[in-house]
């Protein structure tokens, strides 16, 4: 009897562990948007920045927010934004798509940026000392663009 109880506990524990998303599992669908790691890879911070630039150029701001941006930040902003995810997409579109200089700065960071990459965090900035810094963080095997503005 005692052995059977332990087997049940171990079995339940193994099932719980296998149900958790790991780095080898497909990313979850967020806000109805599937991750597309072939078109927008996120294996490294540089790939994530390249994917960000590509998504902005394609005007896929919904994809940027659902899959490339830090999920914790996006979830918090969706809760704070009247109109939810759709309103946040429109707000972000005004900052990213409607301002051509924004994507040019990001593309310049990708091409000429000074990178600092650690195990789970990274940052890039242009070599000019007053250049803004773009931050990244790694979670569940993917790199995300991190927004540190409060």
Protein backbone atom coordinates (compact mmCIF):
# COMPACT_ATOMS: atom_id res chain seq x y z
CA UNK A 1 0.00 0.00 0.00
CA UNK A 2 2.74 2.43 0.97
CA UNK A 3 4.62 1.72 -2.28
CA UNK A 4 1.49 2.27 -4.37
CA UNK A 5 0.92 5.67 -2.69
CA UNK A 6 4.43 6.78 -3.56
CA UNK A 7 4.00 5.60 -7.14
CA UNK A 8 0.84 7.72 -7.44
CA UNK A 9 2.65 10.78 -6.02
CA UNK A 10 5.61 10.29 -8.38
CA UNK A 11 3.28 9.78 -11.34
CA UNK A 12 1.32 12.96 -10.54
CA UNK A 13 4.57 14.91 -10.10
CA UNK A 14 5.95 13.67 -13.42
CA UNK A 15 2.72 14.62 -15.22
CA UNK A 16 2.79 18.09 -13.67
CA UNK A 17 6.41 18.62 -14.70
CA UNK A 18 5.78 17.47 -18.27
CA UNK A 19 2.79 19.82 -18.56
CA UNK A 20 4.91 22.90 -17.86
CA UNK A 21 6.12 24.74 -20.96
CA UNK A 22 9.79 24.27 -21.55
CA UNK A 23 12.24 25.74 -24.03
CA UNK A 24 11.65 22.92 -26.53
CA UNK A 25 7.87 23.25 -26.56
CA UNK A 26 5.92 25.52 -28.88
CA UNK A 27 5.31 28.98 -27.42
CA UNK A 28 1.79 29.66 -26.27
CA UNK A 29 -0.72 31.57 -28.34
CA UNK A 30 -1.16 35.05 -26.86
CA UNK A 31 -4.08 37.37 -27.60
CA UNK A 32 -5.08 34.98 -30.39
CA UNK A 33 -1.69 35.25 -32.11
CA UNK A 34 0.48 32.18 -32.71
CA UNK A 35 4.25 32.46 -32.39
CA UNK A 36 6.07 32.22 -35.74
CA UNK A 37 9.64 31.34 -34.87
CA UNK A 38 10.60 30.76 -38.51
CA UNK A 39 9.66 34.26 -39.60
CA UNK A 40 10.48 35.95 -36.29
CA UNK A 41 13.18 33.93 -34.47
CA UNK A 42 14.02 34.70 -30.83
CA UNK A 43 16.91 32.35 -30.02
CA UNK A 44 19.29 35.23 -29.31
CA UNK A 45 18.84 38.90 -28.41
CA UNK A 46 20.13 39.89 -31.87
CA UNK A 47 17.60 37.61 -33.57
CA UNK A 48 14.87 39.12 -31.43
CA UNK A 49 15.90 42.65 -32.42
CA UNK A 50 15.98 41.62 -36.09
CA UNK A 51 12.51 40.08 -35.65
CA UNK A 52 11.29 43.28 -33.99
CA UNK A 53 12.51 45.40 -36.89
CA UNK A 54 10.99 42.98 -39.42
CA UNK A 55 7.62 42.91 -37.62
CA UNK A 56 7.47 46.72 -37.36
CA UNK A 57 8.35 47.10 -41.04
CA UNK A 58 5.52 44.64 -41.83
CA UNK A 59 3.23 46.70 -39.54
CA UNK A 60 2.60 43.62 -37.36
CA UNK A 61 2.41 45.51 -34.08
CA UNK A 62 -0.05 42.94 -32.73
CA UNK A 63 2.67 40.30 -33.22
CA UNK A 64 5.28 42.55 -31.59
CA UNK A 65 3.13 42.87 -28.48
CA UNK A 66 1.86 39.29 -28.36
CA UNK A 67 5.11 37.46 -29.05
CA UNK A 68 8.22 39.69 -29.08
CA UNK A 69 7.63 42.09 -26.20
CA UNK A 70 8.09 41.08 -22.57
CA UNK A 71 4.85 39.21 -21.70
CA UNK A 72 4.72 40.56 -18.13
CA UNK A 73 4.92 44.17 -19.36
CA UNK A 74 2.31 43.56 -22.08
CA UNK A 75 -0.09 41.85 -19.68
CA UNK A 76 0.22 44.73 -17.20
CA UNK A 77 -0.30 47.36 -19.92
CA UNK A 78 -3.34 45.50 -21.32
CA UNK A 79 -4.93 45.62 -17.86
CA UNK A 80 -4.12 49.35 -17.51
CA UNK A 81 -5.26 50.33 -21.02
CA UNK A 82 -8.90 51.15 -21.60
CA UNK A 83 -9.83 49.05 -24.60
CA UNK A 84 -7.39 46.26 -23.75
CA UNK A 85 -5.04 44.65 -26.25
CA UNK A 86 -6.55 46.33 -29.33
CA UNK A 87 -6.09 49.78 -27.80
CA UNK A 88 -2.51 48.95 -26.79
CA UNK A 89 -1.79 47.86 -30.37
CA UNK A 90 -3.09 51.21 -31.69
CA UNK A 91 -1.10 53.15 -29.09
CA UNK A 92 2.06 51.22 -29.95
CA UNK A 93 1.44 51.57 -33.68
CA UNK A 94 1.53 55.34 -33.30
CA UNK A 95 4.94 55.09 -31.63
CA UNK A 96 6.49 52.49 -33.91
CA UNK A 97 4.91 52.51 -37.37
CA UNK A 98 3.80 56.11 -37.61
CA UNK A 99 7.26 57.31 -36.52
CA UNK A 100 9.69 56.15 -39.26
CA UNK A 101 12.66 57.31 -37.17
CA UNK A 102 11.82 54.67 -34.54
CA UNK A 103 12.43 51.69 -36.81
CA UNK A 104 15.52 53.38 -38.27
CA UNK A 105 17.00 53.68 -34.75
CA UNK A 106 16.26 50.01 -34.08
CA UNK A 107 17.79 48.95 -37.40
CA UNK A 108 20.88 51.04 -36.63
CA UNK A 109 21.15 49.34 -33.21
CA UNK A 110 20.96 45.97 -34.96
CA UNK A 111 23.67 46.90 -37.47
CA UNK A 112 26.03 48.96 -35.30
CA UNK A 113 24.99 48.36 -31.72
CA UNK A 114 27.26 47.74 -28.78
CA UNK A 115 25.88 44.56 -27.18
CA UNK A 116 26.14 43.27 -23.63
CA UNK A 117 24.77 39.74 -23.44
CA UNK A 118 24.55 37.70 -20.25
CA UNK A 119 22.81 34.42 -19.46
CA UNK A 120 19.26 35.78 -19.19
CA UNK A 121 19.58 39.50 -19.90
CA UNK A 122 21.02 41.61 -22.68
CA UNK A 123 21.20 45.20 -23.81
CA UNK A 124 22.22 47.11 -26.90
CA UNK A 125 23.00 50.74 -27.50
CA UNK A 126 24.65 52.77 -30.16
CA UNK A 127 28.23 53.72 -29.47
CA UNK A 128 27.31 57.36 -28.81
CA UNK A 129 27.27 57.90 -25.06
CA UNK A 130 23.80 59.48 -24.94
CA UNK A 131 22.18 56.71 -27.00
CA UNK A 132 19.09 55.05 -25.52
CA UNK A 133 19.48 51.46 -24.36
CA UNK A 134 17.26 48.62 -25.51
CA UNK A 135 16.94 45.75 -23.02
CA UNK A 136 16.11 42.07 -23.50
CA UNK A 137 15.34 39.21 -21.16
CA UNK A 138 15.24 35.46 -21.67
CA UNK A 139 12.28 33.38 -20.52
CA UNK A 140 11.26 29.83 -21.48
CA UNK A 141 14.05 29.59 -24.05
CA UNK A 142 13.07 32.77 -25.92
CA UNK A 143 14.40 36.32 -25.82
CA UNK A 144 11.93 39.18 -25.42
CA UNK A 145 12.27 42.94 -25.81
CA UNK A 146 11.98 44.40 -22.35
CA UNK A 147 10.33 47.74 -21.64
CA UNK A 148 11.81 49.23 -18.51
CA UNK A 149 9.80 52.44 -18.66
CA UNK A 150 7.28 52.62 -15.85
